[in-house]
Amino acid sequence: MVTRFDRAGPASGPAVTGFSGRGFKVDGKVFAGGIQLTPLAAAPWTPPPLAALEIKHVFMLLELYPQPEFLLLGTGASLIRPPPSFTAAVEVRGIGLEAMDSRAAARAWAVLRAEDRWIAGALMPL
C-alpha cells in the first residue's frame, strides 16, 4: 500500500516520548519491542537479529510516497553496523541510511520531524 502525504503545513505524526523496558513510548502508547515510524504513523515491529536484516523487513517504510529522504535505523542498545547487503539494498533505491543506537535514533527522529524532514524509522528493541 502506498501512502500519499501532503507536505503542506507543520510537521506532525508520531512522537517518541520515552522508553519503556526494551521498548518505546509513542504518543502515550507503549510499544514493548521495536517500532517502525513514518511521518504518519507508528507500528510495532519484530525485527530479526541485525545480522539477518534484509530489505523485506522494512519494505513498507521504503514504499512510502513521497519516498523518504533516508531510513533512520536504530540498532538496539548499541550501534552496530547493518549488513553491507542491507545498506546497499536501501541505497540502490536512492534512499539514505543512518544507523545509530535506538535511543539516539528516537531522539534524532524528534529533531528531524520538528524540521519537517520526510523520513522513515525502524528502531530495534533496546
Foldseek 3Di string as FASTA:
>chain_A
DEDADDLPDAQAAWAFDAADDQWTAIPNDTAQWKWKGFSHYIDHADADQQAPDACVRCVVLQRYPPGAQAEEEANGPFWDDGDPNRQVVRVVSVHHYHYTHQVVSSVVVVVCSNVVHGYMYIHGTD
